[in-house]
Amino acid sequence: MNLSNFNEFCNRAASQGVLFYYTGEFSSNVIGTLSDTVRERLEALGTPNKHGRKVFSTFMEMAQNILHYADDSSTAGRRIGALAVGHEDGKFYVLCGNPVRIDHVERLRAKLEPLRSMTLDEIKAAYREQLRNEAHAEDTLSKGAGLGFLTMAREASEPIDYQIIHHAGDSAYAEFYLRAVI
């Protein structure tokens, strides 16, 4: 990237209200450092505790999803992704993106599509049900209790949004993008 392109990138990020952006490898240590930075940025902005907690919770869920589920043959086992936090029109947003295997795409859609049409009360009920559900242990792909997307949907002020973009020339992987507005 040349300097003019970098300047354009910085200006565009600023015009979109980006407060924090990271792209690269994710590990527990990296997430720890990133989370400290995000927490400090939210505090420096004077973000009310309730909103700050929701933004931070969503940020952590997305970071953990990248750490556990990012998958791309070109990264040789490394977990590569991107994560951003911004503030626009009086609301915060958290975005993430990472490669996923094509055979996981339908599973992602099956988890996310129902959340997009649920009310907050329905999301909270589904969250409580999932806490009691022991069937999540049978999900060999899930690294947790299956609460991540439910947590993000519960914290969001709008339906969470996602997009899956298939790699040109690579039928085994796609890019998965997720957005939550708080």
C-alpha atoms as a PDB file:
ATOM      1  CA  MET A   1       0.000   0.000   0.000  1.00  0.00           C
ATOM      2  CA  ASN A   2       1.398   3.377  -0.894  1.00  0.00           C
ATOM      3  CA  LEU A   3       1.050   6.449   1.318  1.00  0.00           C
ATOM      4  CA  SER A   4      -1.819   7.946  -0.668  1.00  0.00           C
ATOM      5  CA  ASN A   5      -3.799   4.718  -0.358  1.00  0.00           C
ATOM      6  CA  PHE A   6      -3.046   4.569   3.358  1.00  0.00           C
ATOM      7  CA  ASN A   7      -4.226   8.165   3.756  1.00  0.00           C
ATOM      8  CA  GLU A   8      -7.437   7.279   1.903  1.00  0.00           C
ATOM      9  CA  PHE A   9      -7.888   4.234   4.165  1.00  0.00           C
ATOM     10  CA  CYS A  10      -7.440   6.375   7.308  1.00  0.00           C
ATOM     11  CA  ASN A  11      -9.819   9.068   6.057  1.00  0.00           C
ATOM     12  CA  ARG A  12     -12.472   6.535   5.124  1.00  0.00           C
ATOM     13  CA  ALA A  13     -12.182   4.831   8.524  1.00  0.00           C
ATOM     14  CA  ALA A  14     -12.527   8.180  10.289  1.00  0.00           C
ATOM     15  CA  SER A  15     -15.560   9.152   8.190  1.00  0.00           C
ATOM     16  CA  GLN A  16     -17.217   5.835   9.112  1.00  0.00           C
ATOM     17  CA  GLY A  17     -16.612   6.397  12.835  1.00  0.00           C
ATOM     18  CA  VAL A  18     -14.059   3.603  13.252  1.00  0.00           C
ATOM     19  CA  LEU A  19     -12.611   3.743  16.762  1.00  0.00           C
ATOM     20  CA  PHE A  20     -10.614   0.537  16.579  1.00  0.00           C
ATOM     21  CA  TYR A  21      -9.548  -1.806  13.788  1.00  0.00           C
ATOM     22  CA  TYR A  22      -7.323  -4.875  13.759  1.00  0.00           C
ATOM     23  CA  THR A  23      -6.561  -7.375  11.063  1.00  0.00           C
ATOM     24  CA  GLY A  24      -4.145 -10.234  11.435  1.00  0.00           C
ATOM     25  CA  GLU A  25      -3.553 -13.339  13.475  1.00  0.00           C
ATOM     26  CA  PHE A  26      -5.722 -14.029  16.526  1.00  0.00           C
ATOM     27  CA  SER A  27      -4.445 -15.785  19.645  1.00  0.00           C
ATOM     28  CA  SER A  28      -5.408 -15.606  23.305  1.00  0.00           C
ATOM     29  CA  ASN A  29      -2.577 -13.126  23.920  1.00  0.00           C
ATOM     30  CA  VAL A  30      -3.592 -10.934  20.983  1.00  0.00           C
ATOM     31  CA  ILE A  31      -7.232 -10.927  22.126  1.00  0.00           C
ATOM     32  CA  GLY A  32      -6.120  -9.922  25.629  1.00  0.00           C
ATOM     33  CA  THR A  33      -4.191  -6.952  24.267  1.00  0.00           C
ATOM     34  CA  LEU A  34      -6.974  -5.958  21.874  1.00  0.00           C
ATOM     35  CA  SER A  35      -9.586  -6.153  24.629  1.00  0.00           C
ATOM     36  CA  ASP A  36      -7.521  -3.851  26.861  1.00  0.00           C
ATOM     37  CA  THR A  37      -7.290  -1.342  24.011  1.00  0.00           C
ATOM     38  CA  VAL A  38     -11.018  -1.454  23.259  1.00  0.00           C
ATOM     39  CA  ARG A  39     -11.902  -1.097  26.943  1.00  0.00           C
ATOM     40  CA  GLU A  40      -9.599   1.933  27.244  1.00  0.00           C
ATOM     41  CA  ARG A  41     -11.074   3.544  24.099  1.00  0.00           C
ATOM     42  CA  LEU A  42     -14.625   3.082  25.405  1.00  0.00           C
ATOM     43  CA  GLU A  43     -13.668   4.576  28.777  1.00  0.00           C
ATOM     44  CA  ALA A  44     -11.864   7.503  27.113  1.00  0.00           C
ATOM     45  CA  LEU A  45     -15.046   8.274  25.169  1.00  0.00           C
ATOM     46  CA  GLY A  46     -17.048   8.326  28.402  1.00  0.00           C
ATOM     47  CA  THR A  47     -19.231   5.462  27.231  1.00  0.00           C
ATOM     48  CA  PRO A  48     -21.950   4.694  29.795  1.00  0.00           C
ATOM     49  CA  ASN A  49     -21.279   1.413  31.611  1.00  0.00           C
ATOM     50  CA  LYS A  50     -24.322  -0.358  30.163  1.00  0.00           C
ATOM     51  CA  HIS A  51     -23.377   0.433  26.559  1.00  0.00           C
ATOM     52  CA  GLY A  52     -19.693  -0.183  27.173  1.00  0.00           C
ATOM     53  CA  ARG A  53     -20.430  -3.613  28.635  1.00  0.00           C
ATOM     54  CA  LYS A  54     -22.571  -4.556  25.631  1.00  0.00           C
ATOM     55  CA  VAL A  55     -19.993  -3.344  23.112  1.00  0.00           C
ATOM     56  CA  PHE A  56     -17.194  -5.113  24.969  1.00  0.00           C
ATOM     57  CA  SER A  57     -19.184  -8.347  25.320  1.00  0.00           C
ATOM     58  CA  THR A  58     -19.956  -8.352  21.594  1.00  0.00           C
ATOM     59  CA  PHE A  59     -16.334  -7.561  20.764  1.00  0.00           C
ATOM     60  CA  MET A  60     -15.143 -10.505  22.880  1.00  0.00           C
ATOM     61  CA  GLU A  61     -17.668 -12.912  21.334  1.00  0.00           C
ATOM     62  CA  MET A  62     -16.540 -11.948  17.842  1.00  0.00           C
ATOM     63  CA  ALA A  63     -12.852 -12.215  18.767  1.00  0.00           C
ATOM     64  CA  GLN A  64     -13.429 -15.658  20.286  1.00  0.00           C
ATOM     65  CA  ASN A  65     -15.327 -16.752  17.165  1.00  0.00           C
ATOM     66  CA  ILE A  66     -12.360 -15.777  14.999  1.00  0.00           C
ATOM     67  CA  LEU A  67      -9.964 -17.574  17.337  1.00  0.00           C
ATOM     68  CA  HIS A  68     -12.014 -20.773  17.381  1.00  0.00           C
ATOM     69  CA  TYR A  69     -13.573 -20.911  13.924  1.00  0.00           C
ATOM     70  CA  ALA A  70     -11.471 -18.978  11.384  1.00  0.00           C
ATOM     71  CA  ASP A  71     -10.281 -21.525   8.864  1.00  0.00           C
ATOM     72  CA  ASP A  72      -8.373 -21.103   5.631  1.00  0.00           C
ATOM     73  CA  SER A  73      -5.982 -23.497   3.931  1.00  0.00           C
ATOM     74  CA  SER A  74      -3.612 -20.649   3.054  1.00  0.00           C
ATOM     75  CA  THR A  75      -2.930 -19.759   6.712  1.00  0.00           C
ATOM     76  CA  ALA A  76      -1.508 -23.134   7.810  1.00  0.00           C
ATOM     77  CA  GLY A  77      -3.502 -23.378  11.032  1.00  0.00           C
ATOM     78  CA  ARG A  78      -3.180 -19.733  12.014  1.00  0.00           C
ATOM     79  CA  ARG A  79      -6.426 -17.947  12.880  1.00  0.00           C
ATOM     80  CA  ILE A  80      -6.625 -14.867  10.674  1.00  0.00           C
ATOM     81  CA  GLY A  81      -9.424 -12.330  10.827  1.00  0.00           C
ATOM     82  CA  ALA A  82     -10.426  -8.693  11.145  1.00  0.00           C
ATOM     83  CA  LEU A  83     -12.313  -6.889  13.891  1.00  0.00           C
ATOM     84  CA  ALA A  84     -13.560  -3.303  14.135  1.00  0.00           C
ATOM     85  CA  VAL A  85     -15.454  -1.152  16.617  1.00  0.00           C
ATOM     86  CA  GLY A  86     -17.010   2.136  15.629  1.00  0.00           C
ATOM     87  CA  HIS A  87     -19.516   4.791  16.609  1.00  0.00           C
ATOM     88  CA  GLU A  88     -21.973   6.258  14.129  1.00  0.00           C
ATOM     89  CA  ASP A  89     -25.348   7.982  14.417  1.00  0.00           C
ATOM     90  CA  GLY A  90     -25.308   7.677  18.212  1.00  0.00           C
ATOM     91  CA  LYS A  91     -24.769   3.903  18.196  1.00  0.00           C
ATOM     92  CA  PHE A  92     -21.781   1.629  18.405  1.00  0.00           C
ATOM     93  CA  TYR A  93     -21.125  -1.127  15.920  1.00  0.00           C
ATOM     94  CA  VAL A  94     -18.836  -4.151  16.071  1.00  0.00           C
ATOM     95  CA  LEU A  95     -17.797  -5.951  12.895  1.00  0.00           C
ATOM     96  CA  CYS A  96     -15.703  -9.014  12.222  1.00  0.00           C
ATOM     97  CA  GLY A  97     -14.621 -11.049   9.257  1.00  0.00           C
ATOM     98  CA  ASN A  98     -12.762 -14.286   8.800  1.00  0.00           C
ATOM     99  CA  PRO A  99     -12.414 -17.212   6.407  1.00  0.00           C
ATOM    100  CA  VAL A 100     -14.621 -20.262   6.979  1.00  0.00           C
ATOM    101  CA  ARG A 101     -14.874 -23.627   5.305  1.00  0.00           C
ATOM    102  CA  ILE A 102     -17.704 -23.935   2.795  1.00  0.00           C
ATOM    103  CA  ASP A 103     -19.062 -26.967   4.625  1.00  0.00           C
ATOM    104  CA  HIS A 104     -19.708 -24.710   7.667  1.00  0.00           C
ATOM    105  CA  VAL A 105     -21.693 -22.070   5.753  1.00  0.00           C
ATOM    106  CA  GLU A 106     -25.119 -23.698   6.063  1.00  0.00           C
ATOM    107  CA  ARG A 107     -24.554 -24.303   9.779  1.00  0.00           C
ATOM    108  CA  LEU A 108     -23.794 -20.588  10.223  1.00  0.00           C
ATOM    109  CA  ARG A 109     -26.893 -19.585   8.267  1.00  0.00           C
ATOM    110  CA  ALA A 110     -29.049 -21.985  10.298  1.00  0.00           C
ATOM    111  CA  LYS A 111     -27.860 -20.327  13.520  1.00  0.00           C
ATOM    112  CA  LEU A 112     -28.039 -16.717  12.315  1.00  0.00           C
ATOM    113  CA  GLU A 113     -31.176 -16.480  10.168  1.00  0.00           C
ATOM    114  CA  PRO A 114     -33.647 -17.262  12.981  1.00  0.00           C
ATOM    115  CA  LEU A 115     -32.005 -14.608  15.192  1.00  0.00           C
ATOM    116  CA  ARG A 116     -32.636 -11.914  12.607  1.00  0.00           C
ATOM    117  CA  SER A 117     -36.411 -12.192  12.964  1.00  0.00           C
ATOM    118  CA  MET A 118     -36.636 -12.836  16.718  1.00  0.00           C
ATOM    119  CA  THR A 119     -37.778 -10.238  19.232  1.00  0.00           C
ATOM    120  CA  LEU A 120     -35.556  -9.419  22.194  1.00  0.00           C
ATOM    121  CA  ASP A 121     -37.825 -11.483  24.460  1.00  0.00           C
ATOM    122  CA  GLU A 122     -37.541 -14.445  22.085  1.00  0.00           C
ATOM    123  CA  ILE A 123     -33.748 -14.076  21.998  1.00  0.00           C
ATOM    124  CA  LYS A 124     -33.608 -14.001  25.809  1.00  0.00           C
ATOM    125  CA  ALA A 125     -35.830 -17.096  25.995  1.00  0.00           C
ATOM    126  CA  ALA A 126     -33.639 -18.901  23.441  1.00  0.00           C
ATOM    127  CA  TYR A 127     -30.565 -17.918  25.478  1.00  0.00           C
ATOM    128  CA  ARG A 128     -32.069 -19.362  28.682  1.00  0.00           C
ATOM    129  CA  GLU A 129     -33.095 -22.518  26.804  1.00  0.00           C
ATOM    130  CA  GLN A 130     -29.587 -22.929  25.394  1.00  0.00           C
ATOM    131  CA  LEU A 131     -28.143 -22.644  28.910  1.00  0.00           C
ATOM    132  CA  ARG A 132     -30.268 -25.647  29.901  1.00  0.00           C
ATOM    133  CA  ASN A 133     -29.648 -27.508  26.640  1.00  0.00           C
ATOM    134  CA  GLU A 134     -27.145 -30.295  26.947  1.00  0.00           C
ATOM    135  CA  ALA A 135     -27.422 -31.179  23.251  1.00  0.00           C
ATOM    136  CA  HIS A 136     -24.819 -28.506  22.445  1.00  0.00           C
ATOM    137  CA  ALA A 137     -22.235 -31.012  23.678  1.00  0.00           C
ATOM    138  CA  GLU A 138     -23.117 -33.128  20.645  1.00  0.00           C
ATOM    139  CA  ASP A 139     -22.160 -30.269  18.304  1.00  0.00           C
ATOM    140  CA  THR A 140     -18.632 -31.318  17.414  1.00  0.00           C
ATOM    141  CA  LEU A 141     -17.851 -27.972  15.743  1.00  0.00           C
ATOM    142  CA  SER A 142     -18.885 -25.727  18.625  1.00  0.00           C
ATOM    143  CA  LYS A 143     -16.173 -24.888  21.149  1.00  0.00           C
ATOM    144  CA  GLY A 144     -18.607 -23.604  23.774  1.00  0.00           C
ATOM    145  CA  ALA A 145     -22.187 -23.780  24.897  1.00  0.00           C
ATOM    146  CA  GLY A 146     -23.569 -22.330  21.657  1.00  0.00           C
ATOM    147  CA  LEU A 147     -24.306 -18.966  23.258  1.00  0.00           C
ATOM    148  CA  GLY A 148     -22.087 -16.661  21.179  1.00  0.00           C
ATOM    149  CA  PHE A 149     -24.541 -15.561  18.486  1.00  0.00           C
ATOM    150  CA  LEU A 150     -27.360 -15.439  21.051  1.00  0.00           C
ATOM    151  CA  THR A 151     -25.227 -13.198  23.275  1.00  0.00           C
ATOM    152  CA  MET A 152     -24.483 -10.843  20.390  1.00  0.00           C
ATOM    153  CA  ALA A 153     -28.143 -10.739  19.336  1.00  0.00           C
ATOM    154  CA  ARG A 154     -29.200 -10.073  22.933  1.00  0.00           C
ATOM    155  CA  GLU A 155     -26.773  -7.149  23.254  1.00  0.00           C
ATOM    156  CA  ALA A 156     -27.625  -5.636  19.848  1.00  0.00           C
ATOM    157  CA  SER A 157     -30.162  -2.857  19.309  1.00  0.00           C
ATOM    158  CA  GLU A 158     -30.880  -4.076  15.762  1.00  0.00           C
ATOM    159  CA  PRO A 159     -30.910  -7.540  14.192  1.00  0.00           C
ATOM    160  CA  ILE A 160     -27.366  -8.792  13.708  1.00  0.00           C
ATOM    161  CA  ASP A 161     -26.315  -8.821  10.094  1.00  0.00           C
ATOM    162  CA  TYR A 162     -24.030 -11.211   8.274  1.00  0.00           C
ATOM    163  CA  GLN A 163     -22.679 -11.854   4.828  1.00  0.00           C
ATOM    164  CA  ILE A 164     -20.889 -14.816   3.303  1.00  0.00           C
ATOM    165  CA  ILE A 165     -18.770 -14.169   0.228  1.00  0.00           C
ATOM    166  CA  HIS A 166     -17.446 -17.152  -1.674  1.00  0.00           C
ATOM    167  CA  HIS A 167     -13.771 -17.054  -2.661  1.00  0.00           C
ATOM    168  CA  ALA A 168     -13.205 -16.732  -6.379  1.00  0.00           C
ATOM    169  CA  GLY A 169     -11.324 -19.791  -7.538  1.00  0.00           C
ATOM    170  CA  ASP A 170     -11.500 -21.557  -4.159  1.00  0.00           C
ATOM    171  CA  SER A 171     -14.523 -23.755  -3.683  1.00  0.00           C
ATOM    172  CA  ALA A 172     -13.458 -24.880  -0.197  1.00  0.00           C
ATOM    173  CA  TYR A 173     -13.524 -21.510   1.632  1.00  0.00           C
ATOM    174  CA  ALA A 174     -15.618 -18.370   1.969  1.00  0.00           C
ATOM    175  CA  GLU A 175     -15.342 -15.090   3.874  1.00  0.00           C
ATOM    176  CA  PHE A 176     -17.773 -14.698   6.766  1.00  0.00           C
ATOM    177  CA  TYR A 177     -18.664 -11.167   7.938  1.00  0.00           C
ATOM    178  CA  LEU A 178     -20.780 -10.293  10.964  1.00  0.00           C
ATOM    179  CA  ARG A 179     -22.092  -6.928  12.212  1.00  0.00           C
ATOM    180  CA  ALA A 180     -23.832  -6.013  15.446  1.00  0.00           C
ATOM    181  CA  VAL A 181     -25.156  -2.544  16.270  1.00  0.00           C
ATOM    182  CA  ILE A 182     -25.318  -1.672  19.965  1.00  0.00           C
END
